[in-house]
Amino acid sequence: MIHWGIIGCGFIAGRMAAVLDGRRDARLIGVASREKKKAAEFAARWRAPASYDSYEALARDPRVDAVYVATIHPAHAAAVRLCLEQGKAVLCEKPLAMNAREAEELFSLAGERRVLLMEAMWTRLLPVWQEIGRLCAEGSLGTILGFQADFSDAAPYDPSRRIFSAELGGGALLDLGVYCLHMAFAVLGDDYQTLTAVGRSAPTGVDAFAAMTLTFPRGAVAQLTCGSDVVGPRSACIMGDGGYIEVPSFFGAREMTVCRSGEAPQRRLFEEIDGFHYEIDEFHRLLTEGRTLSDSVPPAATLAVQRAMDDAMAQIRARG
């Protein structure tokens, strides 16, 4: 049994609490918020025995084995650091930090303390993407040379909304593009050679749309788009010289179509359960085995994604 704490009381924290509540190998011990009432109400809803009005109090609770950080983006790094310093394993919502430098510091601290730290990139752990990785590795599509993905979800403009607020860590890249980059790196590797980005900014200055082209060794290319001001297909396509795979709704993928040269397309469906279960499975496995790093969501990939987002944001701002 793994005893969990949650920092943050928003929508995504509620989703995690619901998943933990349905498992026999996990128990939610407590939740922390800067607002005492909010923490108490969240704890009561999910039958957690403790609520805290400070992140520090949760991090110091000896009953807690692992902490899920679900705050707004700019608060991730400080919350993760508090927990690592208290020896708590941490599963942190994406993005792990606001930039690559912060993320590097967190992984360095986790290494020093010999504590597990993993970015909560649950999409990488979905059965669809695990199977895609297997097919690519065995050469079913030949040499993989292309990856295309979009994650665009138009939101009515409101400067006070999180995705449009610089103070709240808004921007399409940090909220949506992070998924596109992670999945591109899962397929093509994270040793990209060049990145070119263009896009649009919201009136608040955060990026509202980004189009990125990344090049990789052996001539592979990834073309990625994300936006908070447009509606997109939210799909992905993996292309090899022997076939391709289409993934509708790649973010929470439950199906894919494999198209090999000279063969009829094969549509495959996968089980429909909340994808958070897969990242909890992975996190529990790592804790049980005494591991401090995940092979499925490796630190190298998280850091490469952070660097790519830093680079893309800088290019978009420079172009006005």
Protein backbone atom coordinates (compact mmCIF):
# COMPACT_ATOMS: atom_id res chain seq x y z
CA MET A 1 0.00 0.00 0.00
CA ILE A 2 1.40 3.38 -1.07
CA HIS A 3 0.21 6.35 0.98
CA TRP A 4 -0.24 9.48 -1.11
CA GLY A 5 -0.44 13.20 -0.53
CA ILE A 6 -1.68 15.72 -3.09
CA ILE A 7 -0.51 19.33 -3.32
CA GLY A 8 -3.14 21.45 -5.04
CA CYS A 9 -6.94 21.18 -5.10
CA GLY A 10 -7.87 21.94 -8.71
CA PHE A 11 -9.53 19.86 -11.40
CA ILE A 12 -6.49 17.70 -12.17
CA ALA A 13 -5.95 16.99 -8.46
CA GLY A 14 -9.55 15.80 -8.25
CA ARG A 15 -9.01 13.46 -11.18
CA MET A 16 -5.99 11.92 -9.47
CA ALA A 17 -7.86 11.62 -6.18
CA ALA A 18 -10.68 9.77 -7.95
CA VAL A 19 -8.23 7.30 -9.51
CA LEU A 20 -6.41 6.71 -6.21
CA ASP A 21 -9.77 6.20 -4.49
CA GLY A 22 -10.55 3.27 -6.78
CA ARG A 23 -7.31 1.37 -6.18
CA ARG A 24 -6.50 -1.25 -3.56
CA ASP A 25 -2.78 -0.50 -3.57
CA ALA A 26 -3.08 3.21 -2.80
CA ARG A 27 -4.57 5.46 -0.16
CA LEU A 28 -4.87 9.24 -0.12
CA ILE A 29 -3.60 10.41 3.28
CA GLY A 30 -3.97 14.15 2.84
CA VAL A 31 -4.10 17.17 0.60
CA ALA A 32 -2.46 20.58 0.89
CA SER A 33 -3.58 24.00 -0.28
CA ARG A 34 -2.66 27.55 0.65
CA GLU A 35 -6.38 27.93 1.42
CA LYS A 36 -7.30 25.96 4.54
CA LYS A 37 -11.00 25.67 3.68
CA LYS A 38 -10.30 24.39 0.19
CA ALA A 39 -7.95 21.70 1.51
CA ALA A 40 -10.44 20.60 4.15
CA GLU A 41 -13.29 20.35 1.63
CA PHE A 42 -11.14 18.39 -0.82
CA ALA A 43 -9.99 16.00 1.91
CA ALA A 44 -13.57 15.43 3.07
CA ARG A 45 -14.76 14.72 -0.46
CA TRP A 46 -12.11 12.04 -1.01
CA ARG A 47 -12.10 10.65 2.54
CA ALA A 48 -8.51 11.69 3.21
CA PRO A 49 -7.78 11.82 6.96
CA ALA A 50 -5.66 14.96 6.81
CA SER A 51 -5.69 18.41 5.22
CA TYR A 52 -2.93 21.01 5.41
CA ASP A 53 -2.90 24.75 4.88
CA SER A 54 0.74 24.67 3.81
CA TYR A 55 2.74 22.52 1.41
CA GLU A 56 5.47 22.24 4.03
CA ALA A 57 3.11 20.48 6.47
CA LEU A 58 2.25 17.79 3.94
CA ALA A 59 5.90 17.30 2.98
CA ARG A 60 6.81 16.75 6.65
CA ASP A 61 4.00 14.24 7.37
CA PRO A 62 5.73 10.88 8.04
CA ARG A 63 2.64 8.97 6.90
CA VAL A 64 3.03 10.15 3.30
CA ASP A 65 5.14 7.99 0.97
CA ALA A 66 4.56 9.81 -2.31
CA VAL A 67 3.28 13.23 -3.35
CA TYR A 68 1.40 14.23 -6.47
CA VAL A 69 2.06 17.91 -7.29
CA ALA A 70 -0.93 19.47 -9.06
CA THR A 71 -0.45 23.19 -8.53
CA ILE A 72 -0.28 25.84 -11.26
CA HIS A 73 2.87 25.60 -13.37
CA PRO A 74 4.98 28.31 -11.68
CA ALA A 75 4.52 26.61 -8.28
CA HIS A 76 5.68 23.17 -9.42
CA ALA A 77 9.40 23.57 -8.78
CA ALA A 78 9.09 24.92 -5.24
CA ALA A 79 6.57 22.25 -4.23
CA VAL A 80 8.68 19.45 -5.72
CA ARG A 81 11.79 20.76 -3.97
CA LEU A 82 10.02 20.83 -0.59
CA CYS A 83 8.97 17.20 -0.96
CA LEU A 84 12.34 15.96 -2.20
CA GLU A 85 14.09 17.63 0.73
CA GLN A 86 11.80 15.66 3.07
CA GLY A 87 12.60 12.40 1.27
CA LYS A 88 9.20 12.08 -0.42
CA ALA A 89 8.86 10.46 -3.85
CA VAL A 90 7.25 12.94 -6.25
CA LEU A 91 5.00 12.59 -9.27
CA CYS A 92 4.68 16.11 -10.70
CA GLU A 93 2.17 17.32 -13.25
CA LYS A 94 3.54 18.50 -16.56
CA PRO A 95 5.53 20.57 -17.15
CA LEU A 96 7.90 19.62 -14.36
CA ALA A 97 9.14 23.21 -14.18
CA MET A 98 8.90 26.53 -15.98
CA ASN A 99 12.21 26.07 -17.77
CA ALA A 100 15.05 23.61 -18.30
CA ARG A 101 17.28 25.14 -15.64
CA GLU A 102 14.67 24.57 -12.92
CA ALA A 103 14.05 21.03 -14.12
CA GLU A 104 17.77 20.20 -14.09
CA GLU A 105 18.05 21.46 -10.52
CA LEU A 106 15.15 19.26 -9.41
CA PHE A 107 16.56 16.10 -10.96
CA SER A 108 19.95 16.93 -9.45
CA LEU A 109 18.37 17.25 -6.00
CA ALA A 110 16.42 14.00 -6.47
CA GLY A 111 19.70 12.27 -7.35
CA GLU A 112 21.46 13.67 -4.31
CA ARG A 113 18.63 12.56 -2.00
CA ARG A 114 18.15 9.25 -3.86
CA VAL A 115 14.44 9.91 -4.16
CA LEU A 116 12.13 9.08 -7.07
CA LEU A 117 11.04 12.04 -9.20
CA MET A 118 8.90 11.58 -12.32
CA GLU A 119 7.00 13.97 -14.56
CA ALA A 120 3.35 12.91 -14.84
CA MET A 121 3.39 12.39 -18.61
CA TRP A 122 0.74 9.66 -18.55
CA THR A 123 0.27 9.71 -22.33
CA ARG A 124 3.65 7.99 -22.78
CA LEU A 125 2.36 5.09 -20.66
CA LEU A 126 -0.89 4.44 -22.53
CA PRO A 127 -1.11 0.96 -24.13
CA VAL A 128 -1.50 2.57 -27.58
CA TRP A 129 1.84 4.34 -27.28
CA GLN A 130 3.54 1.36 -25.66
CA GLU A 131 2.47 -0.73 -28.67
CA ILE A 132 3.62 1.96 -31.10
CA GLY A 133 7.02 1.90 -29.41
CA ARG A 134 7.18 -1.88 -29.82
CA LEU A 135 6.20 -1.73 -33.50
CA CYS A 136 8.76 0.97 -34.23
CA ALA A 137 11.50 -0.91 -32.38
CA GLU A 138 10.86 -4.17 -34.25
CA GLY A 139 10.93 -2.39 -37.62
CA SER A 140 7.31 -3.06 -38.60
CA LEU A 141 7.16 0.31 -40.37
CA GLY A 142 10.71 0.25 -41.64
CA THR A 143 12.85 3.23 -40.72
CA ILE A 144 10.85 5.91 -38.90
CA LEU A 145 11.43 9.21 -40.68
CA GLY A 146 8.45 11.38 -39.80
CA PHE A 147 6.21 12.34 -36.91
CA GLN A 148 3.28 14.75 -37.03
CA ALA A 149 1.09 15.77 -34.11
CA ASP A 150 -1.36 18.49 -33.18
CA PHE A 151 -2.84 19.38 -29.82
CA SER A 152 -4.93 22.51 -30.29
CA ASP A 153 -7.96 23.36 -28.19
CA ALA A 154 -9.47 26.81 -28.62
CA ALA A 155 -10.40 28.62 -25.41
CA PRO A 156 -12.37 31.90 -25.26
CA TYR A 157 -9.88 34.66 -24.61
CA ASP A 158 -9.92 35.94 -21.05
CA PRO A 159 -6.71 37.47 -19.63
CA SER A 160 -7.56 36.09 -16.20
CA ARG A 161 -7.74 32.49 -17.41
CA ARG A 162 -4.72 30.39 -16.52
CA ILE A 163 -3.76 29.48 -20.09
CA PHE A 164 -3.62 33.18 -21.07
CA SER A 165 -1.96 34.47 -17.90
CA ALA A 166 1.81 34.84 -17.73
CA GLU A 167 1.68 35.01 -13.92
CA LEU A 168 -0.16 31.67 -13.77
CA GLY A 169 2.24 29.95 -16.17
CA GLY A 170 0.00 30.09 -19.22
CA GLY A 171 0.80 29.47 -22.86
CA ALA A 172 -0.02 26.79 -25.40
CA LEU A 173 3.43 25.20 -25.25
CA LEU A 174 3.48 24.57 -21.51
CA ASP A 175 -0.13 23.37 -21.49
CA LEU A 176 -0.48 21.51 -24.80
CA GLY A 177 2.74 21.44 -26.79
CA VAL A 178 4.47 19.55 -23.99
CA TYR A 179 2.47 16.45 -25.02
CA CYS A 180 3.40 16.76 -28.70
CA LEU A 181 7.08 17.05 -27.85
CA HIS A 182 7.05 14.14 -25.42
CA MET A 183 5.44 11.81 -27.93
CA ALA A 184 7.76 12.91 -30.75
CA PHE A 185 10.72 12.14 -28.51
CA ALA A 186 9.20 8.80 -27.46
CA VAL A 187 9.17 7.77 -31.14
CA LEU A 188 12.24 9.51 -32.58
CA GLY A 189 14.47 9.83 -29.51
CA ASP A 190 15.24 13.02 -27.62
CA ASP A 191 18.52 13.85 -29.38
CA TYR A 192 17.00 16.36 -31.78
CA GLN A 193 19.46 18.42 -33.81
CA THR A 194 17.56 21.57 -34.76
CA LEU A 195 14.29 23.25 -33.81
CA THR A 196 12.51 25.99 -35.73
CA ALA A 197 9.39 27.59 -34.27
CA VAL A 198 6.87 30.19 -35.40
CA GLY A 199 3.66 31.18 -33.71
CA ARG A 200 1.30 33.77 -32.30
CA SER A 201 1.12 35.44 -28.94
CA ALA A 202 -1.99 36.31 -26.95
CA PRO A 203 -2.43 39.97 -25.89
CA THR A 204 -1.04 38.98 -22.48
CA GLY A 205 2.26 37.96 -24.11
CA VAL A 206 2.04 34.19 -23.66
CA ASP A 207 2.16 31.97 -26.74
CA ALA A 208 -1.30 31.20 -28.16
CA PHE A 209 -0.09 29.05 -31.05
CA ALA A 210 3.17 27.34 -31.93
CA ALA A 211 4.29 25.39 -34.98
CA MET A 212 7.58 23.54 -34.51
CA THR A 213 9.80 21.62 -36.90
CA LEU A 214 12.49 19.45 -35.35
CA THR A 215 15.18 17.50 -37.15
CA PHE A 216 16.76 14.29 -35.88
CA PRO A 217 19.64 12.01 -36.84
CA ARG A 218 19.17 9.91 -40.01
CA GLY A 219 17.01 12.64 -41.53
CA ALA A 220 13.91 12.16 -39.40
CA VAL A 221 11.63 15.20 -39.00
CA ALA A 222 8.87 16.04 -36.51
CA GLN A 223 6.20 18.64 -37.30
CA LEU A 224 4.19 19.72 -34.27
CA THR A 225 1.44 22.26 -33.66
CA CYS A 226 -0.35 23.38 -30.53
CA GLY A 227 -2.71 26.24 -29.89
CA SER A 228 -5.17 27.75 -27.45
CA ASP A 229 -6.71 30.00 -30.13
CA VAL A 230 -7.58 27.38 -32.78
CA VAL A 231 -9.39 24.06 -33.00
CA GLY A 232 -7.17 21.29 -34.32
CA PRO A 233 -7.41 17.55 -35.06
CA ARG A 234 -5.48 16.53 -31.91
CA SER A 235 -4.10 13.57 -33.82
CA ALA A 236 -0.70 12.05 -34.57
CA CYS A 237 0.91 10.18 -37.44
CA ILE A 238 4.10 8.12 -37.30
CA MET A 239 5.66 7.59 -40.73
CA GLY A 240 8.24 5.05 -41.81
CA ASP A 241 9.56 3.96 -45.20
CA GLY A 242 7.47 0.79 -44.85
CA GLY A 243 4.19 2.15 -43.51
CA TYR A 244 2.56 4.55 -41.09
CA ILE A 245 0.37 4.66 -37.98
CA GLU A 246 -2.52 7.07 -37.44
CA VAL A 247 -3.54 7.95 -33.88
CA PRO A 248 -6.75 9.96 -33.44
CA SER A 249 -6.99 11.92 -30.19
CA PHE A 250 -3.38 11.01 -29.41
CA PHE A 251 -3.42 12.83 -26.05
CA GLY A 252 -5.65 10.15 -24.47
CA ALA A 253 -5.31 7.60 -27.26
CA ARG A 254 -7.47 4.48 -27.19
CA GLU A 255 -7.10 3.43 -30.82
CA MET A 256 -4.69 3.44 -33.73
CA THR A 257 -4.65 2.34 -37.37
CA VAL A 258 -1.57 0.57 -38.73
CA CYS A 259 -1.04 0.95 -42.48
CA ARG A 260 1.79 -1.17 -43.87
CA SER A 261 2.81 -0.99 -47.52
CA GLY A 262 0.85 -3.53 -49.54
CA GLU A 263 -1.50 -4.47 -46.66
CA ALA A 264 -5.01 -3.47 -45.68
CA PRO A 265 -5.19 -0.93 -42.81
CA GLN A 266 -5.55 -2.55 -39.39
CA ARG A 267 -7.57 -0.63 -36.79
CA ARG A 268 -6.81 -1.59 -33.21
CA LEU A 269 -8.82 -0.65 -30.13
CA PHE A 270 -7.52 -0.63 -26.55
CA GLU A 271 -9.19 -0.73 -23.14
CA GLU A 272 -10.99 2.37 -21.95
CA ILE A 273 -9.86 3.26 -18.44
CA ASP A 274 -8.54 6.50 -17.00
CA GLY A 275 -4.97 6.85 -18.25
CA PHE A 276 -3.81 8.04 -14.83
CA HIS A 277 -3.90 4.38 -13.73
CA TYR A 278 -0.94 3.62 -15.99
CA GLU A 279 1.29 6.29 -14.51
CA ILE A 280 0.34 5.17 -10.99
CA ASP A 281 1.19 1.57 -11.98
CA GLU A 282 4.59 2.76 -13.20
CA PHE A 283 5.22 4.93 -10.14
CA HIS A 284 4.27 2.15 -7.71
CA ARG A 285 6.49 -0.32 -9.58
CA LEU A 286 9.45 2.03 -9.35
CA LEU A 287 8.87 2.62 -5.62
CA THR A 288 8.50 -1.09 -4.92
CA GLU A 289 11.73 -1.87 -6.79
CA GLY A 290 13.59 0.96 -5.05
CA ARG A 291 14.16 2.79 -8.33
CA THR A 292 14.71 6.54 -8.54
CA LEU A 293 14.34 6.93 -12.32
CA SER A 294 11.67 5.90 -14.81
CA ASP A 295 12.57 4.29 -18.13
CA SER A 296 9.13 5.12 -19.52
CA VAL A 297 9.24 8.83 -18.61
CA PRO A 298 13.02 9.31 -18.31
CA PRO A 299 14.56 12.51 -16.96
CA ALA A 300 16.47 12.93 -20.23
CA ALA A 301 13.17 13.20 -22.12
CA THR A 302 11.67 15.63 -19.61
CA LEU A 303 14.76 17.83 -19.85
CA ALA A 304 14.81 17.67 -23.66
CA VAL A 305 11.16 18.74 -23.75
CA GLN A 306 11.86 21.64 -21.36
CA ARG A 307 14.78 22.80 -23.52
CA ALA A 308 12.69 22.54 -26.67
CA MET A 309 9.89 24.61 -25.13
CA ASP A 310 12.40 27.21 -23.92
CA ASP A 311 13.84 27.44 -27.44
CA ALA A 312 10.44 27.57 -29.16
CA MET A 313 9.12 30.29 -26.82
CA ALA A 314 12.26 32.37 -27.35
CA GLN A 315 11.93 32.12 -31.15
CA ILE A 316 8.23 33.07 -31.10
CA ARG A 317 8.90 36.09 -28.88
CA ALA A 318 11.84 37.17 -31.05
CA ARG A 319 9.67 37.12 -34.16
CA GLY A 320 7.07 39.29 -32.43
